[in-house]
Amino acid sequence: LCGPVLCDRSKPELKQLSPKTAGILASAGVATAIITDHPVIPAQYLPLCAALCVRDGMDRASALRAITLTPAQICGIDHRVGSIMPGKDADFLLLRGDLFDMMNKPQMVFVNGRRIL
């Protein structure tokens, strides 16, 4: 579990914290999940944390997996969430552009398989 990426470096154990870590681990074949430390850093910043990891070298596919399927697998709930497949919970959004572009806005949002936006 890598993160939180969005935080200050006020404690000694955070001195060397870097958004590069997630990409290094994923490239080495380590199952990597990016975290926010919710509720201290709210979960809605998760895509931003992943974008920072991409900016610092993590490939986009690994970053997407690190905020979707890999954390679901780590938690043992990947049979219900983490990817889009028949029979899984269906909460997702559709974007026109890149998920990691913070200027992008959702075009459609689905919760429990129903379009809400």
C-alpha atoms as a PDB file:
ATOM      1  CA  LEU A   1       0.000   0.000   0.000  1.00  0.00           C
ATOM      2  CA  CYS A   2       1.568   3.277  -1.102  1.00  0.00           C
ATOM      3  CA  GLY A   3       0.596   6.586   0.324  1.00  0.00           C
ATOM      4  CA  PRO A   4      -0.655   8.914   1.275  1.00  0.00           C
ATOM      5  CA  VAL A   5       0.988  10.871  -1.519  1.00  0.00           C
ATOM      6  CA  LEU A   6      -0.828  14.105  -0.640  1.00  0.00           C
ATOM      7  CA  CYS A   7       0.535  15.066   2.757  1.00  0.00           C
ATOM      8  CA  ASP A   8       3.228  17.119   4.352  1.00  0.00           C
ATOM      9  CA  ARG A   9       6.521  15.604   5.392  1.00  0.00           C
ATOM     10  CA  SER A  10       6.205  16.739   9.021  1.00  0.00           C
ATOM     11  CA  LYS A  11       7.006  13.387  10.656  1.00  0.00           C
ATOM     12  CA  PRO A  12      10.422  11.681  10.462  1.00  0.00           C
ATOM     13  CA  GLU A  13       8.949   8.522   8.888  1.00  0.00           C
ATOM     14  CA  LEU A  14       7.563  10.614   5.998  1.00  0.00           C
ATOM     15  CA  LYS A  15      10.824  12.393   5.177  1.00  0.00           C
ATOM     16  CA  GLN A  16      11.601  10.156   2.167  1.00  0.00           C
ATOM     17  CA  LEU A  17       7.979   9.702   1.015  1.00  0.00           C
ATOM     18  CA  SER A  18       7.774   9.942  -2.773  1.00  0.00           C
ATOM     19  CA  PRO A  19       5.135   9.401  -5.467  1.00  0.00           C
ATOM     20  CA  LYS A  20       7.844   7.432  -7.331  1.00  0.00           C
ATOM     21  CA  THR A  21       7.518   4.526  -4.883  1.00  0.00           C
ATOM     22  CA  ALA A  22       4.283   3.111  -6.333  1.00  0.00           C
ATOM     23  CA  GLY A  23       5.752   2.939  -9.841  1.00  0.00           C
ATOM     24  CA  ILE A  24       8.968   1.353  -8.637  1.00  0.00           C
ATOM     25  CA  LEU A  25       7.064  -1.348  -6.753  1.00  0.00           C
ATOM     26  CA  ALA A  26       4.636  -2.025  -9.605  1.00  0.00           C
ATOM     27  CA  SER A  27       7.501  -2.250 -12.119  1.00  0.00           C
ATOM     28  CA  ALA A  28       9.154  -4.835  -9.858  1.00  0.00           C
ATOM     29  CA  GLY A  29       6.002  -6.978  -9.950  1.00  0.00           C
ATOM     30  CA  VAL A  30       4.775  -6.091  -6.458  1.00  0.00           C
ATOM     31  CA  ALA A  31       0.967  -5.894  -6.077  1.00  0.00           C
ATOM     32  CA  THR A  32       0.628  -2.155  -5.460  1.00  0.00           C
ATOM     33  CA  ALA A  33      -2.355  -0.163  -4.207  1.00  0.00           C
ATOM     34  CA  ILE A  34      -2.346   3.623  -3.911  1.00  0.00           C
ATOM     35  CA  ILE A  35      -4.049   4.934  -0.776  1.00  0.00           C
ATOM     36  CA  THR A  36      -5.131   8.318   0.562  1.00  0.00           C
ATOM     37  CA  ASP A  37      -5.275   7.597   4.320  1.00  0.00           C
ATOM     38  CA  HIS A  38      -9.000   8.411   4.385  1.00  0.00           C
ATOM     39  CA  PRO A  39     -10.506  10.201   6.341  1.00  0.00           C
ATOM     40  CA  VAL A  40      -7.349  12.248   7.010  1.00  0.00           C
ATOM     41  CA  ILE A  41      -6.927  12.750   3.264  1.00  0.00           C
ATOM     42  CA  PRO A  42     -10.378  12.161   1.738  1.00  0.00           C
ATOM     43  CA  ALA A  43     -10.912   9.313  -0.725  1.00  0.00           C
ATOM     44  CA  GLN A  44     -12.034  11.690  -3.482  1.00  0.00           C
ATOM     45  CA  TYR A  45      -8.344  12.607  -3.903  1.00  0.00           C
ATOM     46  CA  LEU A  46      -7.446   9.058  -4.945  1.00  0.00           C
ATOM     47  CA  PRO A  47      -7.345   9.817  -8.713  1.00  0.00           C
ATOM     48  CA  LEU A  48      -5.134  12.833  -7.976  1.00  0.00           C
ATOM     49  CA  CYS A  49      -2.774  10.635  -5.941  1.00  0.00           C
ATOM     50  CA  ALA A  50      -2.619   8.159  -8.831  1.00  0.00           C
ATOM     51  CA  ALA A  51      -1.969  11.034 -11.268  1.00  0.00           C
ATOM     52  CA  LEU A  52       0.968  12.174  -9.132  1.00  0.00           C
ATOM     53  CA  CYS A  53       2.374   8.641  -9.264  1.00  0.00           C
ATOM     54  CA  VAL A  54       1.981   8.625 -13.079  1.00  0.00           C
ATOM     55  CA  ARG A  55       3.686  12.014 -13.274  1.00  0.00           C
ATOM     56  CA  ASP A  56       6.607  10.512 -11.359  1.00  0.00           C
ATOM     57  CA  GLY A  57       7.029   7.417 -13.512  1.00  0.00           C
ATOM     58  CA  MET A  58       4.249   4.877 -12.877  1.00  0.00           C
ATOM     59  CA  ASP A  59       2.661   3.653 -16.091  1.00  0.00           C
ATOM     60  CA  ARG A  60      -1.020   4.541 -16.532  1.00  0.00           C
ATOM     61  CA  ALA A  61      -2.307   0.966 -16.602  1.00  0.00           C
ATOM     62  CA  SER A  62      -0.538   0.131 -13.337  1.00  0.00           C
ATOM     63  CA  ALA A  63      -1.848   3.327 -11.728  1.00  0.00           C
ATOM     64  CA  LEU A  64      -5.417   2.490 -12.770  1.00  0.00           C
ATOM     65  CA  ARG A  65      -5.039  -1.039 -11.372  1.00  0.00           C
ATOM     66  CA  ALA A  66      -3.542   0.450  -8.180  1.00  0.00           C
ATOM     67  CA  ILE A  67      -6.800   2.316  -7.468  1.00  0.00           C
ATOM     68  CA  THR A  68      -9.226  -0.362  -8.698  1.00  0.00           C
ATOM     69  CA  LEU A  69      -8.524  -4.081  -9.033  1.00  0.00           C
ATOM     70  CA  THR A  70      -5.354  -4.467  -6.947  1.00  0.00           C
ATOM     71  CA  PRO A  71      -6.808  -2.950  -3.747  1.00  0.00           C
ATOM     72  CA  ALA A  72      -9.922  -5.089  -4.227  1.00  0.00           C
ATOM     73  CA  GLN A  73      -7.710  -8.177  -4.517  1.00  0.00           C
ATOM     74  CA  ILE A  74      -5.691  -7.198  -1.446  1.00  0.00           C
ATOM     75  CA  CYS A  75      -8.928  -6.794   0.529  1.00  0.00           C
ATOM     76  CA  GLY A  76     -10.353 -10.061  -0.823  1.00  0.00           C
ATOM     77  CA  ILE A  77     -13.387  -8.388  -2.414  1.00  0.00           C
ATOM     78  CA  ASP A  78     -12.371  -8.566  -6.072  1.00  0.00           C
ATOM     79  CA  HIS A  79     -15.252 -10.973  -6.726  1.00  0.00           C
ATOM     80  CA  ARG A  80     -17.551  -7.935  -6.184  1.00  0.00           C
ATOM     81  CA  VAL A  81     -15.555  -4.812  -7.105  1.00  0.00           C
ATOM     82  CA  GLY A  82     -12.369  -3.614  -8.777  1.00  0.00           C
ATOM     83  CA  SER A  83     -13.201  -4.305 -12.414  1.00  0.00           C
ATOM     84  CA  ILE A  84     -16.170  -4.086 -14.744  1.00  0.00           C
ATOM     85  CA  MET A  85     -17.628  -7.551 -15.265  1.00  0.00           C
ATOM     86  CA  PRO A  86     -21.123  -9.072 -15.259  1.00  0.00           C
ATOM     87  CA  GLY A  87     -22.305  -9.773 -11.719  1.00  0.00           C
ATOM     88  CA  LYS A  88     -20.029  -7.240 -10.008  1.00  0.00           C
ATOM     89  CA  ASP A  89     -21.167  -4.075  -8.262  1.00  0.00           C
ATOM     90  CA  ALA A  90     -21.391  -1.381 -10.914  1.00  0.00           C
ATOM     91  CA  ASP A  91     -20.192   1.994  -9.662  1.00  0.00           C
ATOM     92  CA  PHE A  92     -18.119   3.746 -12.336  1.00  0.00           C
ATOM     93  CA  LEU A  93     -17.772   6.871 -14.411  1.00  0.00           C
ATOM     94  CA  LEU A  94     -17.108   7.578 -18.059  1.00  0.00           C
ATOM     95  CA  LEU A  95     -14.734  10.320 -19.116  1.00  0.00           C
ATOM     96  CA  ARG A  96     -14.000  11.897 -22.489  1.00  0.00           C
ATOM     97  CA  GLY A  97     -10.329  12.165 -21.723  1.00  0.00           C
ATOM     98  CA  ASP A  98      -7.647  10.871 -19.443  1.00  0.00           C
ATOM     99  CA  LEU A  99      -8.630   9.783 -15.919  1.00  0.00           C
ATOM    100  CA  PHE A 100      -5.392  11.324 -14.649  1.00  0.00           C
ATOM    101  CA  ASP A 101      -6.099  14.770 -16.146  1.00  0.00           C
ATOM    102  CA  MET A 102      -7.514  16.787 -13.267  1.00  0.00           C
ATOM    103  CA  MET A 103      -9.217  19.169 -15.715  1.00  0.00           C
ATOM    104  CA  ASN A 104     -11.382  16.303 -17.015  1.00  0.00           C
ATOM    105  CA  LYS A 105     -15.002  16.097 -15.877  1.00  0.00           C
ATOM    106  CA  PRO A 106     -17.162  12.949 -15.814  1.00  0.00           C
ATOM    107  CA  GLN A 107     -19.545  12.633 -18.769  1.00  0.00           C
ATOM    108  CA  MET A 108     -21.601   9.881 -17.095  1.00  0.00           C
ATOM    109  CA  VAL A 109     -21.716   8.431 -13.590  1.00  0.00           C
ATOM    110  CA  PHE A 110     -23.242   5.054 -12.705  1.00  0.00           C
ATOM    111  CA  VAL A 111     -24.080   3.883  -9.185  1.00  0.00           C
ATOM    112  CA  ASN A 112     -25.398   0.359  -8.640  1.00  0.00           C
ATOM    113  CA  GLY A 113     -25.552   0.020 -12.410  1.00  0.00           C
ATOM    114  CA  ARG A 114     -27.908   3.011 -12.795  1.00  0.00           C
ATOM    115  CA  ARG A 115     -26.939   6.210 -14.534  1.00  0.00           C
ATOM    116  CA  ILE A 116     -27.154   9.177 -12.165  1.00  0.00           C
ATOM    117  CA  LEU A 117     -25.401  11.793 -14.359  1.00  0.00           C
END
